[in-house]
């Protein structure tokens, strides 16, 4: 593996060079290259994760780091000598910088390849982590879907065993009550029609003698007589119309509630026999819509009937919300 000691020694030599560079004044282009290019590159390189490299690669890196360390140590010694005797020539520094550049350039391609290798490994680890995260999320989603499906199946059972029978019975009872009420109103209408016919027949068969009243024209008496009888006839016709109309409304409502009861019974059969989950959910939505729309038509007026629907309304509303989101 890559020697930690070599890495630390190289870092120490580079830091020493940076400190010495600030204490001397040399107008040498190559010294700026060392400070601004080579040292930042090596600092970044030594921050890589060397645990990813093979033993052969680690040995090669150790060799490179050792040669670079030796080059920096030699350069630092030359700077110390130049700093102690400023009148000396800077040829030794230039020579050592040139030697450092040569060493760096000799291994530059290999350093780049090691950097690329480390970067690819880092990306692979990131992708592997993302893959594991995606797999965990997928497993959680599948688990959630299973729990939702289990809940829906439970609600379907409740709908089939509790809600639908309750609503079917409610609408059947309401249809029976309205049918009986319509029959009573029909009987009342028939009786009124019979009495009206008898009244008309009686009025047609009577001999009417208008009394003679002094000071009133006979024509006025005739009009008064006819207006009273026309009022009686029109009132009787209105009462008969009202009774027949009431009978028609009650019969219509009874037929409608009977239809709802039969539809719910048929839907229950479809829910119990259907094997397709999507079809079952659609049927449950239709059941919910059927019941809710029917309960808002004003046909169910009895307060006792409304109380029977409260618990079932909450259950079917929940089914509607869940199946609609699936």
Protein backbone atom coordinates (compact mmCIF):
# COMPACT_ATOMS: atom_id res chain seq x y z
CA UNK A 1 0.00 0.00 0.00
CA UNK A 2 1.02 3.64 -0.39
CA UNK A 3 3.31 4.74 2.46
CA UNK A 4 1.72 7.28 4.75
CA UNK A 5 5.20 8.32 5.87
CA UNK A 6 6.22 9.23 2.32
CA UNK A 7 3.06 11.24 1.86
CA UNK A 8 3.67 13.17 5.07
CA UNK A 9 7.33 13.78 4.27
CA UNK A 10 6.47 15.05 0.78
CA UNK A 11 3.81 17.37 2.19
CA UNK A 12 6.30 18.67 4.76
CA UNK A 13 8.93 19.32 2.05
CA UNK A 14 6.41 21.19 -0.12
CA UNK A 15 5.24 23.32 2.81
CA UNK A 16 8.87 24.11 3.64
CA UNK A 17 9.46 25.20 0.04
CA UNK A 18 6.42 27.51 0.17
CA UNK A 19 7.72 29.12 3.37
CA UNK A 20 11.23 29.55 1.97
CA UNK A 21 9.85 30.96 -1.25
CA UNK A 22 8.33 33.83 0.69
CA UNK A 23 11.68 34.79 2.21
CA UNK A 24 13.74 35.13 -0.99
CA UNK A 25 13.47 37.22 -4.12
CA UNK A 26 14.28 35.35 -7.32
CA UNK A 27 13.08 36.27 -10.77
CA UNK A 28 13.05 32.74 -12.15
CA UNK A 29 10.10 31.58 -14.24
CA UNK A 30 10.53 27.95 -13.28
CA UNK A 31 10.18 28.69 -9.56
CA UNK A 32 6.71 30.17 -10.23
CA UNK A 33 5.79 27.01 -12.11
CA UNK A 34 6.78 24.90 -9.10
CA UNK A 35 4.76 27.09 -6.74
CA UNK A 36 1.67 27.58 -8.93
CA UNK A 37 1.42 24.30 -10.87
CA UNK A 38 3.44 21.40 -9.51
CA UNK A 39 2.73 21.85 -5.79
CA UNK A 40 -1.10 22.34 -6.19
CA UNK A 41 -1.23 19.28 -8.44
CA UNK A 42 0.69 17.12 -5.93
CA UNK A 43 -1.39 18.41 -3.01
CA UNK A 44 -4.58 17.41 -4.82
CA UNK A 45 -3.09 14.06 -5.86
CA UNK A 46 -2.17 13.12 -2.30
CA UNK A 47 -5.78 13.66 -1.18
CA UNK A 48 -6.90 10.68 -3.28
CA UNK A 49 -8.07 7.45 -1.68
CA UNK A 50 -4.96 5.29 -2.10
CA UNK A 51 -6.75 2.26 -0.68
CA UNK A 52 -8.28 1.63 -4.13
CA UNK A 53 -4.91 0.92 -5.78
CA UNK A 54 -3.37 -2.50 -6.28
CA UNK A 55 -0.10 -3.51 -4.64
CA UNK A 56 1.80 -2.97 -7.90
CA UNK A 57 0.28 0.50 -8.34
CA UNK A 58 1.01 1.36 -4.71
CA UNK A 59 4.69 0.40 -5.14
CA UNK A 60 4.93 2.63 -8.22
CA UNK A 61 3.33 5.53 -6.36
CA UNK A 62 5.77 5.07 -3.49
CA UNK A 63 8.68 5.26 -5.94
CA UNK A 64 7.29 8.47 -7.50
CA UNK A 65 6.62 10.11 -4.15
CA UNK A 66 10.08 9.18 -2.90
CA UNK A 67 11.81 10.74 -5.94
CA UNK A 68 9.70 13.91 -5.69
CA UNK A 69 10.45 14.14 -1.97
CA UNK A 70 14.18 13.85 -2.63
CA UNK A 71 13.96 16.54 -5.33
CA UNK A 72 12.15 18.93 -2.95
CA UNK A 73 14.64 18.26 -0.14
CA UNK A 74 17.55 19.02 -2.46
CA UNK A 75 15.84 22.20 -3.69
CA UNK A 76 15.09 23.34 -0.14
CA UNK A 77 18.77 22.88 0.85
CA UNK A 78 19.87 25.03 -2.09
CA UNK A 79 17.39 27.75 -1.06
CA UNK A 80 18.71 27.62 2.53
CA UNK A 81 22.29 28.10 1.26
CA UNK A 82 21.22 30.94 -1.04
CA UNK A 83 19.26 32.57 1.78
CA UNK A 84 22.32 32.46 4.09
CA UNK A 85 24.62 34.01 1.49
CA UNK A 86 22.55 36.29 -0.77
CA UNK A 87 25.58 37.22 -2.84
CA UNK A 88 25.89 33.65 -4.09
CA UNK A 89 24.64 32.69 -7.51
CA UNK A 90 21.18 31.12 -7.90
CA UNK A 91 22.50 28.54 -10.36
CA UNK A 92 22.13 25.71 -7.85
CA UNK A 93 18.48 26.64 -7.26
CA UNK A 94 17.79 26.75 -10.99
CA UNK A 95 19.49 23.38 -11.42
CA UNK A 96 17.47 21.78 -8.60
CA UNK A 97 14.22 23.29 -9.91
CA UNK A 98 15.03 21.89 -13.35
CA UNK A 99 15.69 18.50 -11.78
CA UNK A 100 12.34 18.69 -9.93
CA UNK A 101 10.50 19.60 -13.14
CA UNK A 102 12.18 16.74 -14.97
CA UNK A 103 11.16 14.26 -12.30
CA UNK A 104 7.58 15.59 -12.26
CA UNK A 105 7.25 15.56 -16.05
CA UNK A 106 8.68 12.02 -16.19
CA UNK A 107 5.91 10.69 -14.01
CA UNK A 108 3.14 13.14 -15.06
CA UNK A 109 1.35 10.68 -17.34
CA UNK A 110 1.41 7.97 -14.67
CA UNK A 111 0.15 10.40 -12.05
CA UNK A 112 -2.70 11.34 -14.40
CA UNK A 113 -3.57 7.70 -14.94
CA UNK A 114 -3.59 7.06 -11.18
CA UNK A 115 -5.83 10.10 -10.70
CA UNK A 116 -8.23 8.89 -13.42
CA UNK A 117 -8.29 5.41 -11.90
CA UNK A 118 -9.15 6.82 -8.46
CA UNK A 119 -11.85 9.08 -9.93
CA UNK A 120 -13.48 6.18 -11.80
CA UNK A 121 -13.49 4.09 -8.61
CA UNK A 122 -15.10 6.95 -6.73
CA UNK A 123 -17.80 7.28 -9.40
CA UNK A 124 -18.40 3.52 -9.34
CA UNK A 125 -18.86 3.61 -5.59
CA UNK A 126 -21.28 6.53 -5.93
CA UNK A 127 -23.24 4.67 -8.60
CA UNK A 128 -23.25 1.55 -6.47
CA UNK A 129 -24.58 3.58 -3.55
CA UNK A 130 -27.28 5.09 -5.75
CA UNK A 131 -28.19 1.63 -7.03
CA UNK A 132 -28.56 0.35 -3.48
CA UNK A 133 -30.62 3.41 -2.57
CA UNK A 134 -32.85 2.90 -5.60
CA UNK A 135 -33.26 -0.76 -4.70
CA UNK A 136 -34.25 0.13 -1.14
CA UNK A 137 -36.75 2.72 -2.40
CA UNK A 138 -38.21 0.21 -4.84
CA UNK A 139 -38.57 -2.33 -2.05
CA UNK A 140 -40.30 0.24 0.15
CA UNK A 141 -42.67 1.18 -2.70
CA UNK A 142 -43.48 -2.49 -3.32
CA UNK A 143 -44.11 -3.01 0.38
CA UNK A 144 -46.37 0.06 0.48
CA UNK A 145 -48.29 -1.15 -2.58
CA UNK A 146 -48.79 -4.53 -0.94
CA UNK A 147 -50.13 -2.86 2.22
CA UNK A 148 -52.45 -0.66 0.13
CA UNK A 149 -53.70 -3.65 -1.86
CA UNK A 150 -54.33 -5.53 1.37
CA UNK A 151 -56.28 -2.55 2.75
CA UNK A 152 -58.31 -2.27 -0.47
CA UNK A 153 -59.14 -5.96 -0.38
CA UNK A 154 -60.29 -5.57 3.22
CA UNK A 155 -62.46 -2.60 2.28
CA UNK A 156 -63.87 -4.52 -0.65
CA UNK A 157 -64.88 -7.30 1.70
CA UNK A 158 -66.51 -4.78 4.04
CA UNK A 159 -68.29 -3.15 1.11
CA UNK A 160 -69.59 -6.46 -0.09
CA UNK A 161 -70.60 -7.81 3.29
CA UNK A 162 -71.78 -4.67 5.12
CA UNK A 163 -72.32 -1.57 3.00
CA UNK A 164 -74.05 -3.06 -0.04
CA UNK A 165 -76.56 -5.18 1.89
CA UNK A 166 -77.41 -2.19 4.12
CA UNK A 167 -78.07 0.10 1.17
CA UNK A 168 -79.96 -2.59 -0.73
CA UNK A 169 -82.27 -3.14 2.23
CA UNK A 170 -82.74 0.60 2.75
CA UNK A 171 -83.81 1.20 -0.84
CA UNK A 172 -86.04 -1.86 -0.89
CA UNK A 173 -87.83 -0.70 2.27
CA UNK A 174 -88.15 2.82 0.90
CA UNK A 175 -89.53 1.49 -2.39
CA UNK A 176 -92.09 -0.63 -0.51
CA UNK A 177 -93.17 2.33 1.65
CA UNK A 178 -93.56 4.65 -1.34
CA UNK A 179 -95.45 1.99 -3.31
CA UNK A 180 -97.96 1.57 -0.48
CA UNK A 181 -98.38 5.35 -0.18
CA UNK A 182 -98.96 5.68 -3.94
CA UNK A 183 -101.67 2.98 -3.78
CA UNK A 184 -103.44 4.88 -0.98
CA UNK A 185 -103.37 8.11 -2.98
CA UNK A 186 -104.67 6.21 -6.03
CA UNK A 187 -107.62 4.90 -4.01
CA UNK A 188 -108.35 8.45 -2.79
CA UNK A 189 -108.22 9.68 -6.38
CA UNK A 190 -110.60 6.98 -7.59
CA UNK A 191 -113.06 7.82 -4.82
CA UNK A 192 -112.88 11.53 -5.64
CA UNK A 193 -113.39 10.87 -9.34
CA UNK A 194 -116.44 8.73 -8.55
CA UNK A 195 -117.88 11.44 -6.32
CA UNK A 196 -117.17 14.07 -8.97
CA UNK A 197 -118.97 12.02 -11.62
CA UNK A 198 -121.91 11.53 -9.30
CA UNK A 199 -121.98 15.24 -8.58
CA UNK A 200 -121.96 16.13 -12.28
CA UNK A 201 -124.65 13.57 -13.06
CA UNK A 202 -126.79 14.93 -10.22
CA UNK A 203 -126.33 18.48 -11.37
CA UNK A 204 -127.26 17.58 -14.96
CA UNK A 205 -130.40 15.73 -13.92
CA UNK A 206 -131.80 18.46 -11.64
CA UNK A 207 -134.61 20.74 -12.80
CA UNK A 208 -133.57 24.20 -11.82
CA UNK A 209 -136.16 26.93 -11.34
CA UNK A 210 -134.66 30.34 -10.90
CA UNK A 211 -136.50 32.35 -8.24
CA UNK A 212 -138.00 35.65 -9.24
CA UNK A 213 -136.38 38.46 -7.32
CA UNK A 214 -137.74 41.92 -7.77
CA UNK A 215 -135.22 44.40 -9.06
CA UNK A 216 -132.72 41.80 -10.39
CA UNK A 217 -132.63 40.75 -14.02
CA UNK A 218 -133.07 36.98 -14.63
CA UNK A 219 -129.88 36.91 -16.67
CA UNK A 220 -127.88 38.09 -13.64
CA UNK A 221 -129.39 35.35 -11.52
CA UNK A 222 -128.51 32.78 -14.19
CA UNK A 223 -124.87 33.92 -14.38
CA UNK A 224 -124.60 33.82 -10.59
CA UNK A 225 -125.99 30.33 -10.50
CA UNK A 226 -123.63 29.08 -13.21
CA UNK A 227 -120.54 30.72 -11.68
CA UNK A 228 -121.16 29.00 -8.34
CA UNK A 229 -121.40 25.62 -9.98
CA UNK A 230 -118.36 26.20 -12.24
CA UNK A 231 -116.33 27.14 -9.15
CA UNK A 232 -117.38 23.92 -7.48
CA UNK A 233 -116.52 21.88 -10.59
CA UNK A 234 -113.08 23.54 -11.05
CA UNK A 235 -112.21 23.07 -7.38
CA UNK A 236 -113.14 19.39 -7.62
CA UNK A 237 -111.00 18.97 -10.75
CA UNK A 238 -108.02 20.63 -9.00
CA UNK A 239 -108.31 18.30 -6.01
CA UNK A 240 -108.51 15.27 -8.30
CA UNK A 241 -105.45 16.51 -10.27
CA UNK A 242 -103.46 17.03 -7.06
CA UNK A 243 -104.27 13.52 -5.80
CA UNK A 244 -103.37 11.85 -9.12
CA UNK A 245 -100.18 13.89 -9.39
CA UNK A 246 -99.17 12.87 -5.86
CA UNK A 247 -99.80 9.24 -6.79
CA UNK A 248 -97.57 9.56 -9.87
CA UNK A 249 -94.73 11.11 -7.89
CA UNK A 250 -94.82 8.42 -5.21
CA UNK A 251 -94.97 5.67 -7.80
CA UNK A 252 -92.03 7.18 -9.67
CA UNK A 253 -90.00 7.39 -6.45
CA UNK A 254 -90.88 3.82 -5.55
CA UNK A 255 -89.74 2.63 -8.98
CA UNK A 256 -86.51 4.62 -8.69
CA UNK A 257 -85.64 3.20 -5.26
CA UNK A 258 -86.47 -0.31 -6.43
CA UNK A 259 -84.13 0.20 -9.36
CA UNK A 260 -81.37 1.34 -7.00
CA UNK A 261 -81.86 -1.73 -4.82
CA UNK A 262 -81.72 -4.06 -7.81
CA UNK A 263 -78.62 -2.30 -9.17
CA UNK A 264 -76.81 -2.63 -5.84
CA UNK A 265 -77.66 -6.30 -5.66
CA UNK A 266 -76.32 -6.78 -9.19
CA UNK A 267 -73.15 -4.80 -8.41
CA UNK A 268 -72.54 -6.96 -5.37
CA UNK A 269 -72.65 -10.04 -7.56
CA UNK A 270 -70.13 -8.50 -9.96
CA UNK A 271 -67.77 -7.56 -7.10
CA UNK A 272 -67.87 -11.06 -5.65
CA UNK A 273 -67.30 -12.83 -8.97
CA UNK A 274 -64.83 -10.46 -10.69
CA UNK A 275 -61.19 -11.59 -10.65
CA UNK A 276 -59.73 -8.41 -12.17
CA UNK A 277 -58.70 -5.93 -9.46
CA UNK A 278 -59.09 -2.93 -11.76
CA UNK A 279 -62.59 -4.03 -12.73
CA UNK A 280 -63.49 -4.51 -9.06
CA UNK A 281 -62.29 -1.02 -8.22
CA UNK A 282 -64.30 0.49 -11.09
CA UNK A 283 -67.39 -1.36 -9.92
CA UNK A 284 -66.89 -0.07 -6.37
CA UNK A 285 -66.60 3.47 -7.70
CA UNK A 286 -69.83 3.02 -9.63
CA UNK A 287 -71.52 1.69 -6.51
CA UNK A 288 -70.36 4.69 -4.51
CA UNK A 289 -71.52 7.12 -7.18
CA UNK A 290 -74.87 5.34 -7.45
CA UNK A 291 -75.53 5.48 -3.71
CA UNK A 292 -74.33 9.03 -3.17
CA UNK A 293 -76.27 10.42 -6.13
CA UNK A 294 -79.43 8.59 -5.07
CA UNK A 295 -79.22 9.83 -1.49
CA UNK A 296 -79.04 13.42 -2.75
CA UNK A 297 -82.17 13.31 -4.91
CA UNK A 298 -84.55 14.08 -2.04
CA UNK A 299 -86.36 10.76 -2.41
CA UNK A 300 -85.23 9.46 0.97
CA UNK A 301 -87.15 11.72 3.35
CA UNK A 302 -87.47 9.44 6.35
CA UNK A 303 -85.04 10.39 9.14
CA UNK A 304 -84.74 6.76 10.29
CA UNK A 305 -83.61 5.79 6.81
CA UNK A 306 -80.99 8.54 6.79
CA UNK A 307 -79.58 7.31 10.10
CA UNK A 308 -79.11 3.83 8.65
CA UNK A 309 -76.90 5.29 5.90
CA UNK A 310 -74.41 7.19 8.05
CA UNK A 311 -71.95 4.36 8.77
CA UNK A 312 -72.10 3.02 5.22
CA UNK A 313 -71.52 6.47 3.73
CA UNK A 314 -68.19 6.79 5.58
CA UNK A 315 -67.07 3.33 4.45
CA UNK A 316 -67.91 3.83 0.79
CA UNK A 317 -66.35 7.29 0.79
CA UNK A 318 -63.06 5.73 1.97
CA UNK A 319 -63.28 3.08 -0.76
CA UNK A 320 -63.88 5.76 -3.37
CA UNK A 321 -60.85 7.79 -2.28
CA UNK A 322 -58.46 4.83 -2.15
CA UNK A 323 -59.47 3.20 -5.43
CA UNK A 324 -59.42 6.53 -7.21
CA UNK A 325 -55.75 7.09 -6.18
CA UNK A 326 -54.52 3.65 -7.03
